[in-house]
Amino acid sequence: MKLSYDEVVQMLRDRPEQTRTYEVESGVIERLPSDTPACLRPMNEDEVGGTGELP
């Protein structure tokens, strides 16, 4: 399941203590406000692998 724009915005308002990785719908990151933390970024193929888990 991919997170929608609204789901991402809600998570940013109520950030978890631990880092989590989620797949988001295409174009979501580009639509976020410019003051969104820079820690949000696309994952590369090595990070995604077959599991979606970070190495």
PDB file of N, CA and C in Angstrom:
ATOM      1  N   MET A   1       0.830  -1.173   0.000  1.00  0.00           N
ATOM      2  CA  MET A   1       0.000   0.000   0.000  1.00  0.00           C
ATOM      3  C   MET A   1       0.883   1.248   0.000  1.00  0.00           C
ATOM      4  N   LYS A   2       0.579   2.190  -0.873  1.00  0.00           N
ATOM      5  CA  LYS A   2       1.314   3.442  -0.955  1.00  0.00           C
ATOM      6  C   LYS A   2       0.555   4.518  -0.198  1.00  0.00           C
ATOM      7  N   LEU A   3       1.297   5.366   0.518  1.00  0.00           N
ATOM      8  CA  LEU A   3       0.676   6.456   1.253  1.00  0.00           C
ATOM      9  C   LEU A   3       0.293   7.591   0.316  1.00  0.00           C
ATOM     10  N   SER A   4      -0.833   8.211   0.578  1.00  0.00           N
ATOM     11  CA  SER A   4      -1.289   9.360  -0.202  1.00  0.00           C
ATOM     12  C   SER A   4      -0.659  10.635   0.343  1.00  0.00           C
ATOM     13  N   TYR A   5      -0.832  11.727  -0.355  1.00  0.00           N
ATOM     14  CA  TYR A   5      -0.352  13.031   0.087  1.00  0.00           C
ATOM     15  C   TYR A   5      -0.889  13.364   1.481  1.00  0.00           C
ATOM     16  N   ASP A   6      -2.190  13.206   1.669  1.00  0.00           N
ATOM     17  CA  ASP A   6      -2.804  13.530   2.953  1.00  0.00           C
ATOM     18  C   ASP A   6      -2.244  12.672   4.089  1.00  0.00           C
ATOM     19  N   GLU A   7      -1.982  11.404   3.809  1.00  0.00           N
ATOM     20  CA  GLU A   7      -1.415  10.523   4.832  1.00  0.00           C
ATOM     21  C   GLU A   7       0.006  10.958   5.209  1.00  0.00           C
ATOM     22  N   VAL A   8       0.788  11.375   4.212  1.00  0.00           N
ATOM     23  CA  VAL A   8       2.153  11.844   4.479  1.00  0.00           C
ATOM     24  C   VAL A   8       2.116  13.120   5.310  1.00  0.00           C
ATOM     25  N   VAL A   9       1.243  14.061   4.957  1.00  0.00           N
ATOM     26  CA  VAL A   9       1.129  15.310   5.711  1.00  0.00           C
ATOM     27  C   VAL A   9       0.751  15.020   7.162  1.00  0.00           C
ATOM     28  N   GLN A  10      -0.169  14.106   7.384  1.00  0.00           N
ATOM     29  CA  GLN A  10      -0.565  13.747   8.748  1.00  0.00           C
ATOM     30  C   GLN A  10       0.615  13.152   9.521  1.00  0.00           C
ATOM     31  N   MET A  11       1.393  12.306   8.890  1.00  0.00           N
ATOM     32  CA  MET A  11       2.554  11.719   9.553  1.00  0.00           C
ATOM     33  C   MET A  11       3.586  12.783   9.903  1.00  0.00           C
ATOM     34  N   LEU A  12       3.743  13.779   9.043  1.00  0.00           N
ATOM     35  CA  LEU A  12       4.697  14.851   9.331  1.00  0.00           C
ATOM     36  C   LEU A  12       4.253  15.687  10.525  1.00  0.00           C
ATOM     37  N   ARG A  13       2.960  15.815  10.698  1.00  0.00           N
ATOM     38  CA  ARG A  13       2.432  16.560  11.857  1.00  0.00           C
ATOM     39  C   ARG A  13       2.662  15.806  13.157  1.00  0.00           C
ATOM     40  N   ASP A  14       2.656  14.488  13.082  1.00  0.00           N
ATOM     41  CA  ASP A  14       2.750  13.644  14.269  1.00  0.00           C
ATOM     42  C   ASP A  14       3.880  12.633  14.066  1.00  0.00           C
ATOM     43  N   ARG A  15       5.089  13.158  13.938  1.00  0.00           N
ATOM     44  CA  ARG A  15       6.236  12.320  13.584  1.00  0.00           C
ATOM     45  C   ARG A  15       6.540  11.270  14.645  1.00  0.00           C
ATOM     46  N   PRO A  16       6.814  10.037  14.200  1.00  0.00           N
ATOM     47  CA  PRO A  16       7.190   8.972  15.144  1.00  0.00           C
ATOM     48  C   PRO A  16       8.606   9.185  15.670  1.00  0.00           C
ATOM     49  N   GLU A  17       8.922   8.561  16.784  1.00  0.00           N
ATOM     50  CA  GLU A  17      10.256   8.647  17.370  1.00  0.00           C
ATOM     51  C   GLU A  17      11.293   7.905  16.521  1.00  0.00           C
ATOM     52  N   GLN A  18      10.886   6.797  15.930  1.00  0.00           N
ATOM     53  CA  GLN A  18      11.806   5.988  15.146  1.00  0.00           C
ATOM     54  C   GLN A  18      11.613   6.262  13.662  1.00  0.00           C
ATOM     55  N   THR A  19      12.698   6.104  12.912  1.00  0.00           N
ATOM     56  CA  THR A  19      12.635   6.244  11.461  1.00  0.00           C
ATOM     57  C   THR A  19      11.819   5.101  10.884  1.00  0.00           C
ATOM     58  N   ARG A  20      10.950   5.432   9.978  1.00  0.00           N
ATOM     59  CA  ARG A  20      10.138   4.429   9.284  1.00  0.00           C
ATOM     60  C   ARG A  20      10.222   4.692   7.793  1.00  0.00           C
ATOM     61  N   THR A  21      10.062   3.651   7.019  1.00  0.00           N
ATOM     62  CA  THR A  21      10.132   3.755   5.569  1.00  0.00           C
ATOM     63  C   THR A  21       8.788   3.371   4.981  1.00  0.00           C
ATOM     64  N   TYR A  22       8.250   4.251   4.135  1.00  0.00           N
ATOM     65  CA  TYR A  22       6.966   4.015   3.499  1.00  0.00           C
ATOM     66  C   TYR A  22       7.065   4.298   2.012  1.00  0.00           C
ATOM     67  N   GLU A  23       6.326   3.554   1.240  1.00  0.00           N
ATOM     68  CA  GLU A  23       6.192   3.849  -0.180  1.00  0.00           C
ATOM     69  C   GLU A  23       5.053   4.855  -0.325  1.00  0.00           C
ATOM     70  N   VAL A  24       5.278   5.889  -1.135  1.00  0.00           N
ATOM     71  CA  VAL A  24       4.261   6.918  -1.324  1.00  0.00           C
ATOM     72  C   VAL A  24       3.858   6.993  -2.784  1.00  0.00           C
ATOM     73  N   GLU A  25       2.688   7.543  -3.029  1.00  0.00           N
ATOM     74  CA  GLU A  25       2.204   7.697  -4.391  1.00  0.00           C
ATOM     75  C   GLU A  25       3.136   8.611  -5.178  1.00  0.00           C
ATOM     76  N   SER A  26       3.203   8.428  -6.461  1.00  0.00           N
ATOM     77  CA  SER A  26       4.052   9.228  -7.334  1.00  0.00           C
ATOM     78  C   SER A  26       3.732  10.714  -7.197  1.00  0.00           C
ATOM     79  N   GLY A  27       4.767  11.544  -7.065  1.00  0.00           N
ATOM     80  CA  GLY A  27       4.605  12.986  -7.011  1.00  0.00           C
ATOM     81  C   GLY A  27       4.321  13.566  -5.641  1.00  0.00           C
ATOM     82  N   VAL A  28       4.166  12.719  -4.614  1.00  0.00           N
ATOM     83  CA  VAL A  28       3.820  13.220  -3.281  1.00  0.00           C
ATOM     84  C   VAL A  28       4.914  14.109  -2.716  1.00  0.00           C
ATOM     85  N   ILE A  29       6.162  13.672  -2.758  1.00  0.00           N
ATOM     86  CA  ILE A  29       7.246  14.446  -2.159  1.00  0.00           C
ATOM     87  C   ILE A  29       7.353  15.827  -2.803  1.00  0.00           C
ATOM     88  N   GLU A  30       7.181  15.903  -4.106  1.00  0.00           N
ATOM     89  CA  GLU A  30       7.272  17.184  -4.798  1.00  0.00           C
ATOM     90  C   GLU A  30       6.161  18.143  -4.391  1.00  0.00           C
ATOM     91  N   ARG A  31       5.027  17.641  -3.926  1.00  0.00           N
ATOM     92  CA  ARG A  31       3.880  18.479  -3.538  1.00  0.00           C
ATOM     93  C   ARG A  31       3.966  18.997  -2.111  1.00  0.00           C
ATOM     94  N   LEU A  32       4.863  18.438  -1.294  1.00  0.00           N
ATOM     95  CA  LEU A  32       4.953  18.846   0.104  1.00  0.00           C
ATOM     96  C   LEU A  32       5.459  20.280   0.219  1.00  0.00           C
ATOM     97  N   PRO A  33       5.079  20.990   1.283  1.00  0.00           N
ATOM     98  CA  PRO A  33       5.525  22.372   1.482  1.00  0.00           C
ATOM     99  C   PRO A  33       7.050  22.468   1.501  1.00  0.00           C
ATOM    100  N   SER A  34       7.583  23.613   1.115  1.00  0.00           N
ATOM    101  CA  SER A  34       9.034  23.784   1.016  1.00  0.00           C
ATOM    102  C   SER A  34       9.751  23.696   2.357  1.00  0.00           C
ATOM    103  N   ASP A  35       9.025  23.837   3.467  1.00  0.00           N
ATOM    104  CA  ASP A  35       9.660  23.736   4.778  1.00  0.00           C
ATOM    105  C   ASP A  35       9.637  22.312   5.343  1.00  0.00           C
ATOM    106  N   THR A  36       9.283  21.351   4.508  1.00  0.00           N
ATOM    107  CA  THR A  36       9.278  19.939   4.914  1.00  0.00           C
ATOM    108  C   THR A  36      10.724  19.506   5.171  1.00  0.00           C
ATOM    109  N   PRO A  37      10.980  18.736   6.213  1.00  0.00           N
ATOM    110  CA  PRO A  37      12.353  18.303   6.511  1.00  0.00           C
ATOM    111  C   PRO A  37      13.025  17.624   5.317  1.00  0.00           C
ATOM    112  N   ALA A  38      14.290  17.921   5.174  1.00  0.00           N
ATOM    113  CA  ALA A  38      15.064  17.367   4.057  1.00  0.00           C
ATOM    114  C   ALA A  38      15.307  15.870   4.195  1.00  0.00           C
ATOM    115  N   CYS A  39      14.929  15.273   5.328  1.00  0.00           N
ATOM    116  CA  CYS A  39      15.167  13.843   5.523  1.00  0.00           C
ATOM    117  C   CYS A  39      14.252  12.995   4.633  1.00  0.00           C
ATOM    118  N   LEU A  40      13.239  13.612   4.021  1.00  0.00           N
ATOM    119  CA  LEU A  40      12.384  12.877   3.096  1.00  0.00           C
ATOM    120  C   LEU A  40      13.057  12.867   1.734  1.00  0.00           C
ATOM    121  N   ARG A  41      13.241  11.688   1.190  1.00  0.00           N
ATOM    122  CA  ARG A  41      13.902  11.567  -0.105  1.00  0.00           C
ATOM    123  C   ARG A  41      13.501  10.262  -0.767  1.00  0.00           C
ATOM    124  N   PRO A  42      13.662  10.202  -2.076  1.00  0.00           N
ATOM    125  CA  PRO A  42      13.405   8.935  -2.760  1.00  0.00           C
ATOM    126  C   PRO A  42      14.467   7.905  -2.365  1.00  0.00           C
ATOM    127  N   MET A  43      14.064   6.658  -2.296  1.00  0.00           N
ATOM    128  CA  MET A  43      15.007   5.581  -2.021  1.00  0.00           C
ATOM    129  C   MET A  43      15.584   5.088  -3.334  1.00  0.00           C
ATOM    130  N   ASN A  44      16.846   4.639  -3.299  1.00  0.00           N
ATOM    131  CA  ASN A  44      17.435   4.079  -4.513  1.00  0.00           C
ATOM    132  C   ASN A  44      17.146   2.581  -4.581  1.00  0.00           C
ATOM    133  N   GLU A  45      17.484   1.985  -5.690  1.00  0.00           N
ATOM    134  CA  GLU A  45      17.175   0.562  -5.906  1.00  0.00           C
ATOM    135  C   GLU A  45      17.842  -0.337  -4.863  1.00  0.00           C
ATOM    136  N   ASP A  46      19.059   0.010  -4.431  1.00  0.00           N
ATOM    137  CA  ASP A  46      19.754  -0.805  -3.436  1.00  0.00           C
ATOM    138  C   ASP A  46      19.007  -0.808  -2.109  1.00  0.00           C
ATOM    139  N   GLU A  47      18.436   0.338  -1.738  1.00  0.00           N
ATOM    140  CA  GLU A  47      17.697   0.430  -0.484  1.00  0.00           C
ATOM    141  C   GLU A  47      16.374  -0.320  -0.553  1.00  0.00           C
ATOM    142  N   VAL A  48      15.712  -0.242  -1.682  1.00  0.00           N
ATOM    143  CA  VAL A  48      14.412  -0.894  -1.836  1.00  0.00           C
ATOM    144  C   VAL A  48      14.579  -2.392  -1.923  1.00  0.00           C
ATOM    145  N   GLY A  49      15.501  -2.849  -2.732  1.00  0.00           N
ATOM    146  CA  GLY A  49      15.716  -4.279  -2.890  1.00  0.00           C
ATOM    147  C   GLY A  49      14.384  -4.977  -3.173  1.00  0.00           C
ATOM    148  N   GLY A  50      14.206  -6.148  -2.669  1.00  0.00           N
ATOM    149  CA  GLY A  50      12.947  -6.850  -2.859  1.00  0.00           C
ATOM    150  C   GLY A  50      12.025  -6.733  -1.656  1.00  0.00           C
ATOM    151  N   THR A  51      12.535  -6.156  -0.556  1.00  0.00           N
ATOM    152  CA  THR A  51      11.767  -6.192   0.672  1.00  0.00           C
ATOM    153  C   THR A  51      11.200  -4.848   1.094  1.00  0.00           C
ATOM    154  N   GLY A  52      11.764  -3.756   0.575  1.00  0.00           N
ATOM    155  CA  GLY A  52      11.352  -2.438   1.025  1.00  0.00           C
ATOM    156  C   GLY A  52      12.000  -2.049   2.337  1.00  0.00           C
ATOM    157  N   GLU A  53      12.908  -2.887   2.845  1.00  0.00           N
ATOM    158  CA  GLU A  53      13.605  -2.632   4.105  1.00  0.00           C
ATOM    159  C   GLU A  53      14.961  -1.999   3.798  1.00  0.00           C
ATOM    160  N   LEU A  54      15.375  -1.088   4.669  1.00  0.00           N
ATOM    161  CA  LEU A  54      16.708  -0.511   4.541  1.00  0.00           C
ATOM    162  C   LEU A  54      17.730  -1.546   4.949  1.00  0.00           C
ATOM    163  N   PRO A  55      18.935  -1.486   4.334  1.00  0.00           N
ATOM    164  CA  PRO A  55      19.976  -2.457   4.695  1.00  0.00           C
ATOM    165  C   PRO A  55      20.447  -2.271   6.112  1.00  0.00           C
TER     166      PRO A  55
END
